[in-house]
Full PDB file with SEQRES, HELIX, SHEET, SSBOND, CRYST1, ORIGX, SCALE, CONECT and MASTER records, all heavy atoms in Angstrom:
SEQRES   1 A   38  PHE GLN ALA GLU LYS ILE LYS ASN HIS GLN PRO ALA LEU          
SEQRES   2 A   38  PHE ASN ALA ALA LYS GLU LYS LEU LYS ASN TRP LYS LEU          
SEQRES   3 A   38  THR ASP VAL GLN ILE GLU GLN ILE LEU ALA THR GLY              
HELIX    1 AA1 GLN A    2  LYS A    5  1                                   4    
HELIX    2 AA2 PRO A   11  ASN A   23  1                                  13    
HELIX    3 AA3 ASP A   28  THR A   37  1                                  10    
CRYST1    1.000    1.000    1.000  90.00  90.00  90.00 P 1           1          
ORIGX1      1.000000  0.000000  0.000000        0.00000                         
ORIGX2      0.000000  1.000000  0.000000        0.00000                         
ORIGX3      0.000000  0.000000  1.000000        0.00000                         
SCALE1      1.000000  0.000000  0.000000        0.00000                         
SCALE2      0.000000  1.000000  0.000000        0.00000                         
SCALE3      0.000000  0.000000  1.000000        0.00000                         
ATOM      1  N   PHE A   1      35.241 117.199  16.358  1.00  0.00           N  
ATOM      2  CA  PHE A   1      34.132 116.219  16.529  1.00  0.00           C  
ATOM      3  C   PHE A   1      34.602 114.782  16.285  1.00  0.00           C  
ATOM      4  O   PHE A   1      34.257 113.870  16.951  1.00  0.00           O  
ATOM      5  CB  PHE A   1      32.963 116.571  15.618  1.00  0.00           C  
ATOM      6  CG  PHE A   1      32.321 117.877  15.997  1.00  0.00           C  
ATOM      7  CD1 PHE A   1      31.785 118.709  15.028  1.00  0.00           C  
ATOM      8  CD2 PHE A   1      32.198 118.297  17.381  1.00  0.00           C  
ATOM      9  CE1 PHE A   1      31.145 119.894  15.343  1.00  0.00           C  
ATOM     10  CE2 PHE A   1      31.593 119.505  17.679  1.00  0.00           C  
ATOM     11  CZ  PHE A   1      31.077 120.312  16.673  1.00  0.00           C  
ATOM     12  N   GLN A   2      35.427 114.616  15.228  1.00  0.00           N  
ATOM     13  CA  GLN A   2      35.922 113.274  14.919  1.00  0.00           C  
ATOM     14  C   GLN A   2      36.878 112.760  16.000  1.00  0.00           C  
ATOM     15  O   GLN A   2      36.812 111.570  16.352  1.00  0.00           O  
ATOM     16  CB  GLN A   2      36.668 113.304  13.565  1.00  0.00           C  
ATOM     17  CG  GLN A   2      35.778 113.598  12.378  1.00  0.00           C  
ATOM     18  CD  GLN A   2      34.675 112.636  12.182  1.00  0.00           C  
ATOM     19  OE1 GLN A   2      34.879 111.363  12.377  1.00  0.00           O  
ATOM     20  NE2 GLN A   2      33.529 113.054  11.734  1.00  0.00           N  
ATOM     21  N   ALA A   3      37.678 113.642  16.502  1.00  0.00           N  
ATOM     22  CA  ALA A   3      38.611 113.213  17.528  1.00  0.00           C  
ATOM     23  C   ALA A   3      37.898 112.900  18.872  1.00  0.00           C  
ATOM     24  O   ALA A   3      38.344 112.021  19.659  1.00  0.00           O  
ATOM     25  CB  ALA A   3      39.675 114.295  17.825  1.00  0.00           C  
ATOM     26  N   GLU A   4      36.753 113.541  19.088  1.00  0.00           N  
ATOM     27  CA  GLU A   4      35.974 113.264  20.315  1.00  0.00           C  
ATOM     28  C   GLU A   4      35.453 111.866  20.336  1.00  0.00           C  
ATOM     29  O   GLU A   4      35.361 111.218  21.389  1.00  0.00           O  
ATOM     30  CB  GLU A   4      34.836 114.284  20.461  1.00  0.00           C  
ATOM     31  CG  GLU A   4      34.053 114.134  21.747  1.00  0.00           C  
ATOM     32  CD  GLU A   4      32.858 115.040  21.800  1.00  0.00           C  
ATOM     33  OE1 GLU A   4      32.385 115.465  20.736  1.00  0.00           O  
ATOM     34  OE2 GLU A   4      32.364 115.325  22.882  1.00  0.00           O  
ATOM     35  N   LYS A   5      35.111 111.335  19.164  1.00  0.00           N  
ATOM     36  CA  LYS A   5      34.520 109.993  19.090  1.00  0.00           C  
ATOM     37  C   LYS A   5      35.507 108.910  19.512  1.00  0.00           C  
ATOM     38  O   LYS A   5      35.158 107.842  19.958  1.00  0.00           O  
ATOM     39  CB  LYS A   5      34.031 109.752  17.672  1.00  0.00           C  
ATOM     40  CG  LYS A   5      32.876 110.633  17.282  1.00  0.00           C  
ATOM     41  CD  LYS A   5      32.469 110.371  15.807  1.00  0.00           C  
ATOM     42  CE  LYS A   5      31.374 111.317  15.394  1.00  0.00           C  
ATOM     43  NZ  LYS A   5      30.972 111.124  13.938  1.00  0.00           N  
ATOM     44  N   ILE A   6      36.836 109.192  19.276  1.00  0.00           N  
ATOM     45  CA  ILE A   6      37.847 108.183  19.621  1.00  0.00           C  
ATOM     46  C   ILE A   6      38.761 108.633  20.764  1.00  0.00           C  
ATOM     47  O   ILE A   6      39.925 108.212  20.810  1.00  0.00           O  
ATOM     48  CB  ILE A   6      38.690 107.853  18.322  1.00  0.00           C  
ATOM     49  CG1 ILE A   6      39.337 109.127  17.806  1.00  0.00           C  
ATOM     50  CG2 ILE A   6      37.788 107.184  17.288  1.00  0.00           C  
ATOM     51  CD1 ILE A   6      40.282 108.839  16.624  1.00  0.00           C  
ATOM     52  N   LYS A   7      38.219 109.568  21.579  1.00  0.00           N  
ATOM     53  CA  LYS A   7      39.079 110.146  22.617  1.00  0.00           C  
ATOM     54  C   LYS A   7      39.505 109.107  23.649  1.00  0.00           C  
ATOM     55  O   LYS A   7      40.537 109.242  24.307  1.00  0.00           O  
ATOM     56  CB  LYS A   7      38.442 111.320  23.245  1.00  0.00           C  
ATOM     57  CG  LYS A   7      37.210 111.005  24.077  1.00  0.00           C  
ATOM     58  CD  LYS A   7      36.622 112.278  24.705  1.00  0.00           C  
ATOM     59  CE  LYS A   7      35.416 111.946  25.539  1.00  0.00           C  
ATOM     60  NZ  LYS A   7      34.853 113.159  26.193  1.00  0.00           N  
ATOM     61  N   ASN A   8      38.602 108.035  23.813  1.00  0.00           N  
ATOM     62  CA  ASN A   8      38.983 107.028  24.835  1.00  0.00           C  
ATOM     63  C   ASN A   8      40.152 106.164  24.384  1.00  0.00           C  
ATOM     64  O   ASN A   8      40.939 105.684  25.161  1.00  0.00           O  
ATOM     65  CB  ASN A   8      37.801 106.171  25.129  1.00  0.00           C  
ATOM     66  CG  ASN A   8      36.667 106.942  25.796  1.00  0.00           C  
ATOM     67  OD1 ASN A   8      36.954 107.904  26.527  1.00  0.00           O  
ATOM     68  ND2 ASN A   8      35.398 106.535  25.559  1.00  0.00           N  
ATOM     69  N   HIS A   9      40.266 105.977  23.043  1.00  0.00           N  
ATOM     70  CA  HIS A   9      41.337 105.196  22.467  1.00  0.00           C  
ATOM     71  C   HIS A   9      42.554 106.053  22.123  1.00  0.00           C  
ATOM     72  O   HIS A   9      43.693 105.594  22.250  1.00  0.00           O  
ATOM     73  CB  HIS A   9      40.844 104.405  21.208  1.00  0.00           C  
ATOM     74  CG  HIS A   9      39.698 103.502  21.534  1.00  0.00           C  
ATOM     75  ND1 HIS A   9      39.793 102.348  22.299  1.00  0.00           N  
ATOM     76  CD2 HIS A   9      38.340 103.648  21.157  1.00  0.00           C  
ATOM     77  CE1 HIS A   9      38.593 101.803  22.329  1.00  0.00           C  
ATOM     78  NE2 HIS A   9      37.712 102.570  21.697  1.00  0.00           N  
ATOM     79  N   GLN A  10      42.346 107.257  21.623  1.00  0.00           N  
ATOM     80  CA  GLN A  10      43.401 108.164  21.250  1.00  0.00           C  
ATOM     81  C   GLN A  10      43.195 109.539  21.881  1.00  0.00           C  
ATOM     82  O   GLN A  10      42.828 110.545  21.213  1.00  0.00           O  
ATOM     83  CB  GLN A  10      43.526 108.280  19.733  1.00  0.00           C  
ATOM     84  CG  GLN A  10      43.893 106.973  19.085  1.00  0.00           C  
ATOM     85  CD  GLN A  10      44.155 107.136  17.561  1.00  0.00           C  
ATOM     86  OE1 GLN A  10      44.359 108.238  17.082  1.00  0.00           O  
ATOM     87  NE2 GLN A  10      44.196 106.028  16.844  1.00  0.00           N  
ATOM     88  N   PRO A  11      43.404 109.674  23.178  1.00  0.00           N  
ATOM     89  CA  PRO A  11      43.216 110.975  23.816  1.00  0.00           C  
ATOM     90  C   PRO A  11      44.132 112.070  23.317  1.00  0.00           C  
ATOM     91  O   PRO A  11      43.784 113.235  23.330  1.00  0.00           O  
ATOM     92  CB  PRO A  11      43.422 110.642  25.296  1.00  0.00           C  
ATOM     93  CG  PRO A  11      44.265 109.420  25.284  1.00  0.00           C  
ATOM     94  CD  PRO A  11      43.830 108.636  24.104  1.00  0.00           C  
ATOM     95  N   ALA A  12      45.334 111.678  22.856  1.00  0.00           N  
ATOM     96  CA  ALA A  12      46.288 112.689  22.405  1.00  0.00           C  
ATOM     97  C   ALA A  12      45.735 113.369  21.202  1.00  0.00           C  
ATOM     98  O   ALA A  12      45.959 114.587  21.050  1.00  0.00           O  
ATOM     99  CB  ALA A  12      47.610 112.007  22.109  1.00  0.00           C  
ATOM    100  N   LEU A  13      45.082 112.658  20.280  1.00  0.00           N  
ATOM    101  CA  LEU A  13      44.510 113.285  19.101  1.00  0.00           C  
ATOM    102  C   LEU A  13      43.421 114.259  19.458  1.00  0.00           C  
ATOM    103  O   LEU A  13      43.311 115.349  18.832  1.00  0.00           O  
ATOM    104  CB  LEU A  13      43.959 112.153  18.183  1.00  0.00           C  
ATOM    105  CG  LEU A  13      43.426 112.675  16.823  1.00  0.00           C  
ATOM    106  CD1 LEU A  13      44.563 113.315  16.036  1.00  0.00           C  
ATOM    107  CD2 LEU A  13      42.816 111.511  16.024  1.00  0.00           C  
ATOM    108  N   PHE A  14      42.610 113.922  20.460  1.00  0.00           N  
ATOM    109  CA  PHE A  14      41.529 114.799  20.902  1.00  0.00           C  
ATOM    110  C   PHE A  14      42.097 116.067  21.546  1.00  0.00           C  
ATOM    111  O   PHE A  14      41.669 117.189  21.269  1.00  0.00           O  
ATOM    112  CB  PHE A  14      40.677 114.057  21.918  1.00  0.00           C  
ATOM    113  CG  PHE A  14      39.549 114.926  22.473  1.00  0.00           C  
ATOM    114  CD1 PHE A  14      38.498 115.359  21.688  1.00  0.00           C  
ATOM    115  CD2 PHE A  14      39.515 115.207  23.842  1.00  0.00           C  
ATOM    116  CE1 PHE A  14      37.457 116.144  22.190  1.00  0.00           C  
ATOM    117  CE2 PHE A  14      38.530 116.016  24.359  1.00  0.00           C  
ATOM    118  CZ  PHE A  14      37.479 116.460  23.547  1.00  0.00           C  
ATOM    119  N   ASN A  15      43.151 115.895  22.339  1.00  0.00           N  
ATOM    120  CA  ASN A  15      43.755 117.096  22.970  1.00  0.00           C  
ATOM    121  C   ASN A  15      44.444 117.995  21.910  1.00  0.00           C  
ATOM    122  O   ASN A  15      44.442 119.220  22.033  1.00  0.00           O  
ATOM    123  CB  ASN A  15      44.830 116.648  23.999  1.00  0.00           C  
ATOM    124  CG  ASN A  15      44.156 116.021  25.244  1.00  0.00           C  
ATOM    125  OD1 ASN A  15      42.988 116.309  25.539  1.00  0.00           O  
ATOM    126  ND2 ASN A  15      44.873 115.068  25.846  1.00  0.00           N  
ATOM    127  N   ALA A  16      45.020 117.423  20.903  1.00  0.00           N  
ATOM    128  CA  ALA A  16      45.675 118.181  19.828  1.00  0.00           C  
ATOM    129  C   ALA A  16      44.631 118.996  19.076  1.00  0.00           C  
ATOM    130  O   ALA A  16      44.862 120.166  18.709  1.00  0.00           O  
ATOM    131  CB  ALA A  16      46.419 117.270  18.854  1.00  0.00           C  
ATOM    132  N   ALA A  17      43.428 118.426  18.857  1.00  0.00           N  
ATOM    133  CA  ALA A  17      42.391 119.208  18.164  1.00  0.00           C  
ATOM    134  C   ALA A  17      41.943 120.353  19.001  1.00  0.00           C  
ATOM    135  O   ALA A  17      41.622 121.454  18.475  1.00  0.00           O  
ATOM    136  CB  ALA A  17      41.201 118.257  17.878  1.00  0.00           C  
ATOM    137  N   LYS A  18      41.843 120.186  20.332  1.00  0.00           N  
ATOM    138  CA  LYS A  18      41.450 121.309  21.149  1.00  0.00           C  
ATOM    139  C   LYS A  18      42.558 122.382  21.269  1.00  0.00           C  
ATOM    140  O   LYS A  18      42.251 123.579  21.240  1.00  0.00           O  
ATOM    141  CB  LYS A  18      41.151 120.797  22.613  1.00  0.00           C  
ATOM    142  CG  LYS A  18      39.870 119.996  22.706  1.00  0.00           C  
ATOM    143  CD  LYS A  18      39.345 119.956  24.148  1.00  0.00           C  
ATOM    144  CE  LYS A  18      40.271 119.242  25.061  1.00  0.00           C  
ATOM    145  NZ  LYS A  18      39.727 119.094  26.403  1.00  0.00           N  
ATOM    146  N   GLU A  19      43.835 121.952  21.246  1.00  0.00           N  
ATOM    147  CA  GLU A  19      44.946 122.927  21.329  1.00  0.00           C  
ATOM    148  C   GLU A  19      44.978 123.809  20.070  1.00  0.00           C  
ATOM    149  O   GLU A  19      45.337 124.982  20.166  1.00  0.00           O  
ATOM    150  CB  GLU A  19      46.275 122.209  21.512  1.00  0.00           C  
ATOM    151  CG  GLU A  19      46.486 121.621  22.891  1.00  0.00           C  
ATOM    152  CD  GLU A  19      46.501 122.748  23.918  1.00  0.00           C  
ATOM    153  OE1 GLU A  19      47.048 123.873  23.676  1.00  0.00           O  
ATOM    154  OE2 GLU A  19      45.982 122.525  25.034  1.00  0.00           O  
ATOM    155  N   LYS A  20      44.566 123.173  18.976  1.00  0.00           N  
ATOM    156  CA  LYS A  20      44.548 123.959  17.681  1.00  0.00           C  
ATOM    157  C   LYS A  20      43.596 125.138  17.816  1.00  0.00           C  
ATOM    158  O   LYS A  20      43.893 126.265  17.402  1.00  0.00           O  
ATOM    159  CB  LYS A  20      44.201 123.072  16.532  1.00  0.00           C  
ATOM    160  CG  LYS A  20      44.219 123.739  15.186  1.00  0.00           C  
ATOM    161  CD  LYS A  20      43.970 122.766  14.047  1.00  0.00           C  
ATOM    162  CE  LYS A  20      44.036 123.449  12.714  1.00  0.00           C  
ATOM    163  NZ  LYS A  20      43.768 122.455  11.612  1.00  0.00           N  
ATOM    164  N   LEU A  21      42.419 124.912  18.426  1.00  0.00           N  
ATOM    165  CA  LEU A  21      41.464 125.972  18.607  1.00  0.00           C  
ATOM    166  C   LEU A  21      41.933 126.955  19.619  1.00  0.00           C  
ATOM    167  O   LEU A  21      41.721 128.182  19.514  1.00  0.00           O  
ATOM    168  CB  LEU A  21      40.124 125.330  19.049  1.00  0.00           C  
ATOM    169  CG  LEU A  21      39.392 124.523  17.949  1.00  0.00           C  
ATOM    170  CD1 LEU A  21      38.145 123.893  18.541  1.00  0.00           C  
ATOM    171  CD2 LEU A  21      39.039 125.335  16.723  1.00  0.00           C  
ATOM    172  N   LYS A  22      42.628 126.482  20.678  1.00  0.00           N  
ATOM    173  CA  LYS A  22      43.135 127.411  21.676  1.00  0.00           C  
ATOM    174  C   LYS A  22      44.184 128.331  21.089  1.00  0.00           C  
ATOM    175  O   LYS A  22      44.330 129.528  21.505  1.00  0.00           O  
ATOM    176  CB  LYS A  22      43.763 126.622  22.871  1.00  0.00           C  
ATOM    177  CG  LYS A  22      42.675 125.990  23.738  1.00  0.00           C  
ATOM    178  CD  LYS A  22      43.355 125.212  24.914  1.00  0.00           C  
ATOM    179  CE  LYS A  22      42.299 124.571  25.800  1.00  0.00           C  
ATOM    180  NZ  LYS A  22      42.940 123.871  26.947  1.00  0.00           N  
ATOM    181  N   ASN A  23      44.951 127.830  20.152  1.00  0.00           N  
ATOM    182  CA  ASN A  23      45.982 128.686  19.523  1.00  0.00           C  
ATOM    183  C   ASN A  23      45.299 129.835  18.708  1.00  0.00           C  
ATOM    184  O   ASN A  23      45.974 130.814  18.438  1.00  0.00           O  
ATOM    185  CB  ASN A  23      46.861 127.852  18.573  1.00  0.00           C  
ATOM    186  CG  ASN A  23      47.797 126.928  19.276  1.00  0.00           C  
ATOM    187  OD1 ASN A  23      48.050 127.199  20.475  1.00  0.00           O  
ATOM    188  ND2 ASN A  23      48.235 125.866  18.664  1.00  0.00           N  
ATOM    189  N   TRP A  24      44.060 129.657  18.361  1.00  0.00           N  
ATOM    190  CA  TRP A  24      43.315 130.681  17.696  1.00  0.00           C  
ATOM    191  C   TRP A  24      42.582 131.584  18.718  1.00  0.00           C  
ATOM    192  O   TRP A  24      41.667 132.325  18.354  1.00  0.00           O  
ATOM    193  CB  TRP A  24      42.353 130.112  16.689  1.00  0.00           C  
ATOM    194  CG  TRP A  24      42.998 129.527  15.456  1.00  0.00           C  
ATOM    195  CD1 TRP A  24      44.276 129.780  15.070  1.00  0.00           C  
ATOM    196  CD2 TRP A  24      42.424 128.645  14.549  1.00  0.00           C  
ATOM    197  NE1 TRP A  24      44.521 129.089  13.884  1.00  0.00           N  
ATOM    198  CE2 TRP A  24      43.429 128.418  13.538  1.00  0.00           C  
ATOM    199  CE3 TRP A  24      41.170 127.998  14.431  1.00  0.00           C  
ATOM    200  CZ2 TRP A  24      43.219 127.545  12.445  1.00  0.00           C  
ATOM    201  CZ3 TRP A  24      41.003 127.152  13.293  1.00  0.00           C  
ATOM    202  CH2 TRP A  24      41.967 126.952  12.351  1.00  0.00           C  
ATOM    203  N   LYS A  25      42.923 131.448  20.000  1.00  0.00           N  
ATOM    204  CA  LYS A  25      42.427 132.261  21.072  1.00  0.00           C  
ATOM    205  C   LYS A  25      40.996 131.920  21.405  1.00  0.00           C  
ATOM    206  O   LYS A  25      40.266 132.808  22.000  1.00  0.00           O  
ATOM    207  CB  LYS A  25      42.536 133.739  20.760  1.00  0.00           C  
ATOM    208  CG  LYS A  25      44.002 134.279  20.557  1.00  0.00           C  
ATOM    209  CD  LYS A  25      44.790 134.035  21.843  1.00  0.00           C  
ATOM    210  CE  LYS A  25      46.246 134.494  21.659  1.00  0.00           C  
ATOM    211  NZ  LYS A  25      47.093 134.281  22.840  1.00  0.00           N  
ATOM    212  N   LEU A  26      40.519 130.709  21.112  1.00  0.00           N  
ATOM    213  CA  LEU A  26      39.225 130.301  21.644  1.00  0.00           C  
ATOM    214  C   LEU A  26      39.449 129.841  23.130  1.00  0.00           C  
ATOM    215  O   LEU A  26      40.452 129.171  23.434  1.00  0.00           O  
ATOM    216  CB  LEU A  26      38.691 129.148  20.817  1.00  0.00           C  
ATOM    217  CG  LEU A  26      37.793 129.536  19.620  1.00  0.00           C  
ATOM    218  CD1 LEU A  26      38.616 130.133  18.523  1.00  0.00           C  
ATOM    219  CD2 LEU A  26      36.983 128.332  19.130  1.00  0.00           C  
ATOM    220  N   THR A  27      38.528 130.261  23.941  1.00  0.00           N  
ATOM    221  CA  THR A  27      38.623 129.895  25.332  1.00  0.00           C  
ATOM    222  C   THR A  27      38.126 128.471  25.591  1.00  0.00           C  
ATOM    223  O   THR A  27      37.419 127.862  24.740  1.00  0.00           O  
ATOM    224  CB  THR A  27      37.821 130.874  26.204  1.00  0.00           C  
ATOM    225  OG1 THR A  27      36.432 130.728  25.892  1.00  0.00           O  
ATOM    226  CG2 THR A  27      38.277 132.310  25.965  1.00  0.00           C  
ATOM    227  N   ASP A  28      38.443 127.918  26.742  1.00  0.00           N  
ATOM    228  CA  ASP A  28      37.945 126.619  27.130  1.00  0.00           C  
ATOM    229  C   ASP A  28      36.439 126.572  27.181  1.00  0.00           C  
ATOM    230  O   ASP A  28      35.809 125.567  26.787  1.00  0.00           O  
ATOM    231  CB  ASP A  28      38.513 126.192  28.560  1.00  0.00           C  
ATOM    232  CG  ASP A  28      40.008 125.928  28.480  1.00  0.00           C  
ATOM    233  OD1 ASP A  28      40.486 125.541  27.372  1.00  0.00           O  
ATOM    234  OD2 ASP A  28      40.651 126.107  29.478  1.00  0.00           O  
ATOM    235  N   VAL A  29      35.818 127.661  27.602  1.00  0.00           N  
ATOM    236  CA  VAL A  29      34.350 127.728  27.633  1.00  0.00           C  
ATOM    237  C   VAL A  29      33.772 127.625  26.233  1.00  0.00           C  
ATOM    238  O   VAL A  29      32.780 126.879  26.038  1.00  0.00           O  
ATOM    239  CB  VAL A  29      33.935 129.014  28.331  1.00  0.00           C  
ATOM    240  CG1 VAL A  29      32.400 129.167  28.307  1.00  0.00           C  
ATOM    241  CG2 VAL A  29      34.389 129.056  29.795  1.00  0.00           C  
ATOM    242  N   GLN A  30      34.396 128.380  25.274  1.00  0.00           N  
ATOM    243  CA  GLN A  30      33.899 128.331  23.938  1.00  0.00           C  
ATOM    244  C   GLN A  30      34.020 126.900  23.345  1.00  0.00           C  
ATOM    245  O   GLN A  30      33.110 126.396  22.599  1.00  0.00           O  
ATOM    246  CB  GLN A  30      34.635 129.334  23.051  1.00  0.00           C  
ATOM    247  CG  GLN A  30      34.305 130.791  23.342  1.00  0.00           C  
ATOM    248  CD  GLN A  30      35.160 131.766  22.555  1.00  0.00           C  
ATOM    249  OE1 GLN A  30      36.414 131.630  22.518  1.00  0.00           O  
ATOM    250  NE2 GLN A  30      34.536 132.716  21.916  1.00  0.00           N  
ATOM    251  N   ILE A  31      35.171 126.217  23.600  1.00  0.00           N  
ATOM    252  CA  ILE A  31      35.346 124.897  23.064  1.00  0.00           C  
ATOM    253  C   ILE A  31      34.335 123.908  23.635  1.00  0.00           C  
ATOM    254  O   ILE A  31      33.761 123.066  22.960  1.00  0.00           O  
ATOM    255  CB  ILE A  31      36.801 124.429  23.368  1.00  0.00           C  
ATOM    256  CG1 ILE A  31      37.795 125.320  22.590  1.00  0.00           C  
ATOM    257  CG2 ILE A  31      36.981 122.965  22.947  1.00  0.00           C  
ATOM    258  CD1 ILE A  31      39.296 125.039  22.923  1.00  0.00           C  
ATOM    259  N   GLU A  32      34.064 124.018  24.959  1.00  0.00           N  
ATOM    260  CA  GLU A  32      33.067 123.139  25.590  1.00  0.00           C  
ATOM    261  C   GLU A  32      31.671 123.381  24.996  1.00  0.00           C  
ATOM    262  O   GLU A  32      30.882 122.501  24.855  1.00  0.00           O  
ATOM    263  CB  GLU A  32      33.061 123.391  27.091  1.00  0.00           C  
ATOM    264  CG  GLU A  32      34.335 122.920  27.805  1.00  0.00           C  
ATOM    265  CD  GLU A  32      34.612 121.447  27.598  1.00  0.00           C  
ATOM    266  OE1 GLU A  32      33.586 120.653  27.537  1.00  0.00           O  
ATOM    267  OE2 GLU A  32      35.744 121.044  27.545  1.00  0.00           O  
ATOM    268  N   GLN A  33      31.372 124.653  24.695  1.00  0.00           N  
ATOM    269  CA  GLN A  33      30.060 124.984  24.084  1.00  0.00           C  
ATOM    270  C   GLN A  33      29.938 124.306  22.695  1.00  0.00           C  
ATOM    271  O   GLN A  33      28.908 123.786  22.288  1.00  0.00           O  
ATOM    272  CB  GLN A  33      29.913 126.479  23.937  1.00  0.00           C  
ATOM    273  CG  GLN A  33      29.660 127.183  25.301  1.00  0.00           C  
ATOM    274  CD  GLN A  33      29.540 128.690  25.121  1.00  0.00           C  
ATOM    275  OE1 GLN A  33      29.826 129.228  24.052  1.00  0.00           O  
ATOM    276  NE2 GLN A  33      29.047 129.342  26.162  1.00  0.00           N  
ATOM    277  N   ILE A  34      31.061 124.386  21.942  1.00  0.00           N  
ATOM    278  CA  ILE A  34      31.030 123.741  20.593  1.00  0.00           C  
ATOM    279  C   ILE A  34      30.801 122.215  20.719  1.00  0.00           C  
ATOM    280  O   ILE A  34      30.024 121.632  20.000  1.00  0.00           O  
ATOM    281  CB  ILE A  34      32.353 124.029  19.849  1.00  0.00           C  
ATOM    282  CG1 ILE A  34      32.469 125.495  19.554  1.00  0.00           C  
ATOM    283  CG2 ILE A  34      32.473 123.176  18.569  1.00  0.00           C  
ATOM    284  CD1 ILE A  34      33.825 125.946  18.956  1.00  0.00           C  
ATOM    285  N   LEU A  35      31.501 121.613  21.678  1.00  0.00           N  
ATOM    286  CA  LEU A  35      31.308 120.192  21.923  1.00  0.00           C  
ATOM    287  C   LEU A  35      29.941 119.833  22.384  1.00  0.00           C  
ATOM    288  O   LEU A  35      29.341 118.803  22.028  1.00  0.00           O  
ATOM    289  CB  LEU A  35      32.368 119.683  22.880  1.00  0.00           C  
ATOM    290  CG  LEU A  35      33.859 119.662  22.406  1.00  0.00           C  
ATOM    291  CD1 LEU A  35      34.780 119.329  23.523  1.00  0.00           C  
ATOM    292  CD2 LEU A  35      34.011 118.651  21.255  1.00  0.00           C  
ATOM    293  N   ALA A  36      29.378 120.727  23.210  1.00  0.00           N  
ATOM    294  CA  ALA A  36      28.038 120.436  23.765  1.00  0.00           C  
ATOM    295  C   ALA A  36      26.953 120.513  22.717  1.00  0.00           C  
ATOM    296  O   ALA A  36      26.017 119.730  22.696  1.00  0.00           O  
ATOM    297  CB  ALA A  36      27.762 121.412  24.900  1.00  0.00           C  
ATOM    298  N   THR A  37      27.089 121.477  21.813  1.00  0.00           N  
ATOM    299  CA  THR A  37      26.047 121.654  20.762  1.00  0.00           C  
ATOM    300  C   THR A  37      26.235 120.645  19.618  1.00  0.00           C  
ATOM    301  O   THR A  37      25.273 120.272  18.990  1.00  0.00           O  
ATOM    302  CB  THR A  37      26.091 123.057  20.186  1.00  0.00           C  
ATOM    303  OG1 THR A  37      27.383 123.309  19.639  1.00  0.00           O  
ATOM    304  CG2 THR A  37      25.826 124.108  21.281  1.00  0.00           C  
ATOM    305  N   GLY A  38      27.502 120.289  19.383  1.00  0.00           N  
ATOM    306  CA  GLY A  38      27.764 119.383  18.258  1.00  0.00           C  
ATOM    307  C   GLY A  38      27.617 120.045  16.936  1.00  0.00           C  
ATOM    308  O   GLY A  38      27.545 119.319  15.929  1.00  0.00           O  
TER     309      GLY A  38                                                      
MASTER        0    0    0    3    0    0    0    6  308    1    0    3          
END                                                                             
């Protein structure tokens, strides 16, 4: 959530946060749902 707020300025940080969740076998759909609900 914190990285999403500054993704326009630091997109690499936002992508790293998402990759961490993907390494735990969360799917792209699950990550988008988390971001959508907040």
